[in-house]
């Protein structure tokens, strides 16, 4: 009887350890999202001096980013914001509210100066940043 109890207890203990190991492994979908947004790291150019520099936020961990941006013509329309990868892009919050940075093309920016570009990041219509 004691032997059976020990064996059953050991089985329960081992199955609990296996479950903990599975929790620490990122879901395949989460990994692919991060790989996509990691490709966005670097400098992006908008119109009239607007720009975005996206970098990984090593202190916050995988899937976290710092967005240094000049998003308007006024001096107060700039800053560095913390972002996090989501299924749709990179979510971040700045003075004008919650925003989502997502991939698109020049046409999607709504800006005629970027219309012929193919590799762009868009916050909202009228605010986009592209690479050549």
C-alpha atoms as a PDB file:
ATOM      1  CA  UNK A   1       0.000   0.000   0.000  1.00  0.00           C
ATOM      2  CA  UNK A   2       2.773   2.444   0.920  1.00  0.00           C
ATOM      3  CA  UNK A   3       4.608   1.573  -2.281  1.00  0.00           C
ATOM      4  CA  UNK A   4       1.481   2.322  -4.367  1.00  0.00           C
ATOM      5  CA  UNK A   5       0.947   5.655  -2.583  1.00  0.00           C
ATOM      6  CA  UNK A   6       4.559   6.694  -3.203  1.00  0.00           C
ATOM      7  CA  UNK A   7       4.349   5.746  -6.882  1.00  0.00           C
ATOM      8  CA  UNK A   8       1.058   7.630  -7.349  1.00  0.00           C
ATOM      9  CA  UNK A   9       2.447  10.665  -5.520  1.00  0.00           C
ATOM     10  CA  UNK A  10       5.556  10.612  -7.687  1.00  0.00           C
ATOM     11  CA  UNK A  11       3.378  10.424 -10.812  1.00  0.00           C
ATOM     12  CA  UNK A  12       1.324  13.433  -9.718  1.00  0.00           C
ATOM     13  CA  UNK A  13       4.488  15.372  -8.879  1.00  0.00           C
ATOM     14  CA  UNK A  14       6.079  14.628 -12.246  1.00  0.00           C
ATOM     15  CA  UNK A  15       2.940  15.531 -14.186  1.00  0.00           C
ATOM     16  CA  UNK A  16       2.854  18.867 -12.324  1.00  0.00           C
ATOM     17  CA  UNK A  17       6.462  19.551 -13.317  1.00  0.00           C
ATOM     18  CA  UNK A  18       5.685  18.768 -16.942  1.00  0.00           C
ATOM     19  CA  UNK A  19       2.821  21.270 -16.901  1.00  0.00           C
ATOM     20  CA  UNK A  20       5.068  24.004 -15.466  1.00  0.00           C
ATOM     21  CA  UNK A  21       7.607  23.395 -18.230  1.00  0.00           C
ATOM     22  CA  UNK A  22       4.896  23.814 -20.849  1.00  0.00           C
ATOM     23  CA  UNK A  23       3.861  27.168 -19.369  1.00  0.00           C
ATOM     24  CA  UNK A  24       7.346  28.630 -19.799  1.00  0.00           C
ATOM     25  CA  UNK A  25       7.458  27.809 -23.509  1.00  0.00           C
ATOM     26  CA  UNK A  26       6.009  30.657 -25.598  1.00  0.00           C
ATOM     27  CA  UNK A  27       3.116  29.777 -27.870  1.00  0.00           C
ATOM     28  CA  UNK A  28       4.159  29.382 -31.519  1.00  0.00           C
ATOM     29  CA  UNK A  29       1.803  32.214 -32.517  1.00  0.00           C
ATOM     30  CA  UNK A  30       3.346  34.603 -29.951  1.00  0.00           C
ATOM     31  CA  UNK A  31       6.821  33.761 -31.229  1.00  0.00           C
ATOM     32  CA  UNK A  32       5.856  34.463 -34.851  1.00  0.00           C
ATOM     33  CA  UNK A  33       4.311  37.821 -33.880  1.00  0.00           C
ATOM     34  CA  UNK A  34       7.511  38.830 -32.090  1.00  0.00           C
ATOM     35  CA  UNK A  35       9.639  37.719 -35.058  1.00  0.00           C
ATOM     36  CA  UNK A  36       7.535  39.930 -37.339  1.00  0.00           C
ATOM     37  CA  UNK A  37       7.746  42.995 -35.096  1.00  0.00           C
ATOM     38  CA  UNK A  38      11.464  42.407 -34.477  1.00  0.00           C
ATOM     39  CA  UNK A  39      11.962  42.958 -38.225  1.00  0.00           C
ATOM     40  CA  UNK A  40      10.609  46.471 -37.770  1.00  0.00           C
ATOM     41  CA  UNK A  41      13.503  47.515 -35.518  1.00  0.00           C
ATOM     42  CA  UNK A  42      15.369  50.502 -36.962  1.00  0.00           C
ATOM     43  CA  UNK A  43      14.674  53.936 -38.413  1.00  0.00           C
ATOM     44  CA  UNK A  44      11.550  54.831 -40.384  1.00  0.00           C
ATOM     45  CA  UNK A  45      10.920  58.133 -42.186  1.00  0.00           C
ATOM     46  CA  UNK A  46       7.669  60.063 -42.441  1.00  0.00           C
ATOM     47  CA  UNK A  47       6.932  63.372 -44.162  1.00  0.00           C
ATOM     48  CA  UNK A  48       8.093  66.878 -43.217  1.00  0.00           C
ATOM     49  CA  UNK A  49      10.685  65.645 -40.701  1.00  0.00           C
ATOM     50  CA  UNK A  50       8.478  63.115 -38.954  1.00  0.00           C
ATOM     51  CA  UNK A  51      10.295  59.932 -38.025  1.00  0.00           C
ATOM     52  CA  UNK A  52      10.235  56.794 -35.920  1.00  0.00           C
ATOM     53  CA  UNK A  53      13.112  54.812 -34.442  1.00  0.00           C
ATOM     54  CA  UNK A  54      12.028  51.455 -33.119  1.00  0.00           C
ATOM     55  CA  UNK A  55      14.293  49.476 -30.785  1.00  0.00           C
ATOM     56  CA  UNK A  56      13.924  46.432 -28.568  1.00  0.00           C
ATOM     57  CA  UNK A  57      13.296  47.136 -24.877  1.00  0.00           C
ATOM     58  CA  UNK A  58      15.773  44.623 -23.429  1.00  0.00           C
ATOM     59  CA  UNK A  59      14.854  45.530 -19.843  1.00  0.00           C
ATOM     60  CA  UNK A  60      11.186  44.635 -20.430  1.00  0.00           C
ATOM     61  CA  UNK A  61      11.929  41.419 -22.332  1.00  0.00           C
ATOM     62  CA  UNK A  62      10.940  39.819 -25.628  1.00  0.00           C
ATOM     63  CA  UNK A  63       8.095  41.441 -27.521  1.00  0.00           C
ATOM     64  CA  UNK A  64       8.632  44.837 -25.867  1.00  0.00           C
ATOM     65  CA  UNK A  65       9.842  47.894 -27.764  1.00  0.00           C
ATOM     66  CA  UNK A  66      10.780  51.538 -27.402  1.00  0.00           C
ATOM     67  CA  UNK A  67       9.336  53.890 -30.000  1.00  0.00           C
ATOM     68  CA  UNK A  68      11.220  57.157 -30.289  1.00  0.00           C
ATOM     69  CA  UNK A  69       9.140  59.339 -32.532  1.00  0.00           C
ATOM     70  CA  UNK A  70       8.470  62.787 -33.874  1.00  0.00           C
ATOM     71  CA  UNK A  71       4.831  62.304 -34.896  1.00  0.00           C
ATOM     72  CA  UNK A  72       3.767  65.921 -35.402  1.00  0.00           C
ATOM     73  CA  UNK A  73       5.228  69.274 -36.363  1.00  0.00           C
ATOM     74  CA  UNK A  74       5.018  70.715 -32.837  1.00  0.00           C
ATOM     75  CA  UNK A  75       7.830  70.054 -30.339  1.00  0.00           C
ATOM     76  CA  UNK A  76       5.442  68.426 -27.853  1.00  0.00           C
ATOM     77  CA  UNK A  77       4.449  65.870 -30.492  1.00  0.00           C
ATOM     78  CA  UNK A  78       7.543  63.802 -29.863  1.00  0.00           C
ATOM     79  CA  UNK A  79       8.864  61.418 -27.272  1.00  0.00           C
ATOM     80  CA  UNK A  80       9.824  57.861 -26.477  1.00  0.00           C
ATOM     81  CA  UNK A  81       7.033  55.403 -25.749  1.00  0.00           C
ATOM     82  CA  UNK A  82       6.962  51.805 -24.525  1.00  0.00           C
ATOM     83  CA  UNK A  83       5.247  49.347 -26.838  1.00  0.00           C
ATOM     84  CA  UNK A  84       4.300  45.685 -26.778  1.00  0.00           C
ATOM     85  CA  UNK A  85       3.793  43.245 -29.635  1.00  0.00           C
ATOM     86  CA  UNK A  86       0.193  42.168 -30.231  1.00  0.00           C
ATOM     87  CA  UNK A  87      -1.460  40.046 -32.904  1.00  0.00           C
ATOM     88  CA  UNK A  88      -2.091  43.235 -34.914  1.00  0.00           C
ATOM     89  CA  UNK A  89       1.212  45.107 -34.456  1.00  0.00           C
ATOM     90  CA  UNK A  90       2.775  47.059 -31.602  1.00  0.00           C
ATOM     91  CA  UNK A  91       0.460  48.653 -29.073  1.00  0.00           C
ATOM     92  CA  UNK A  92       1.637  51.805 -27.290  1.00  0.00           C
ATOM     93  CA  UNK A  93       0.259  54.784 -25.411  1.00  0.00           C
ATOM     94  CA  UNK A  94       1.225  58.414 -25.940  1.00  0.00           C
ATOM     95  CA  UNK A  95      -0.265  61.845 -25.138  1.00  0.00           C
ATOM     96  CA  UNK A  96      -3.023  61.470 -27.747  1.00  0.00           C
ATOM     97  CA  UNK A  97      -4.123  58.073 -26.415  1.00  0.00           C
ATOM     98  CA  UNK A  98      -3.693  54.377 -27.085  1.00  0.00           C
ATOM     99  CA  UNK A  99      -2.198  53.660 -30.517  1.00  0.00           C
ATOM    100  CA  UNK A 100      -1.377  50.657 -32.681  1.00  0.00           C
ATOM    101  CA  UNK A 101       1.636  50.544 -35.005  1.00  0.00           C
ATOM    102  CA  UNK A 102       0.962  48.139 -37.872  1.00  0.00           C
ATOM    103  CA  UNK A 103       2.494  47.178 -41.201  1.00  0.00           C
ATOM    104  CA  UNK A 104       1.177  48.512 -44.484  1.00  0.00           C
ATOM    105  CA  UNK A 105       2.161  50.243 -47.685  1.00  0.00           C
ATOM    106  CA  UNK A 106       2.413  53.873 -48.731  1.00  0.00           C
ATOM    107  CA  UNK A 107      -1.181  53.961 -49.957  1.00  0.00           C
ATOM    108  CA  UNK A 108      -2.391  52.914 -46.493  1.00  0.00           C
ATOM    109  CA  UNK A 109      -0.624  55.892 -44.872  1.00  0.00           C
ATOM    110  CA  UNK A 110      -2.960  58.285 -46.669  1.00  0.00           C
ATOM    111  CA  UNK A 111       0.024  60.493 -47.493  1.00  0.00           C
ATOM    112  CA  UNK A 112       0.670  61.258 -51.164  1.00  0.00           C
ATOM    113  CA  UNK A 113       4.412  61.647 -50.538  1.00  0.00           C
ATOM    114  CA  UNK A 114       4.613  58.031 -49.365  1.00  0.00           C
ATOM    115  CA  UNK A 115       2.092  56.556 -51.829  1.00  0.00           C
ATOM    116  CA  UNK A 116       4.708  54.718 -53.912  1.00  0.00           C
ATOM    117  CA  UNK A 117       6.399  53.060 -50.903  1.00  0.00           C
ATOM    118  CA  UNK A 118       5.882  49.376 -50.148  1.00  0.00           C
ATOM    119  CA  UNK A 119       7.447  48.903 -46.674  1.00  0.00           C
ATOM    120  CA  UNK A 120       5.682  51.133 -44.153  1.00  0.00           C
ATOM    121  CA  UNK A 121       4.455  51.280 -40.575  1.00  0.00           C
ATOM    122  CA  UNK A 122       1.185  53.083 -39.943  1.00  0.00           C
ATOM    123  CA  UNK A 123      -0.259  54.510 -36.741  1.00  0.00           C
ATOM    124  CA  UNK A 124      -3.387  56.041 -38.286  1.00  0.00           C
ATOM    125  CA  UNK A 125      -4.385  57.676 -41.563  1.00  0.00           C
ATOM    126  CA  UNK A 126      -2.092  60.635 -42.074  1.00  0.00           C
ATOM    127  CA  UNK A 127       0.637  59.192 -39.835  1.00  0.00           C
ATOM    128  CA  UNK A 128       2.973  56.687 -41.403  1.00  0.00           C
ATOM    129  CA  UNK A 129       6.654  55.961 -41.658  1.00  0.00           C
ATOM    130  CA  UNK A 130       8.390  54.074 -44.493  1.00  0.00           C
ATOM    131  CA  UNK A 131      11.671  52.532 -45.577  1.00  0.00           C
ATOM    132  CA  UNK A 132      12.845  52.435 -49.167  1.00  0.00           C
END
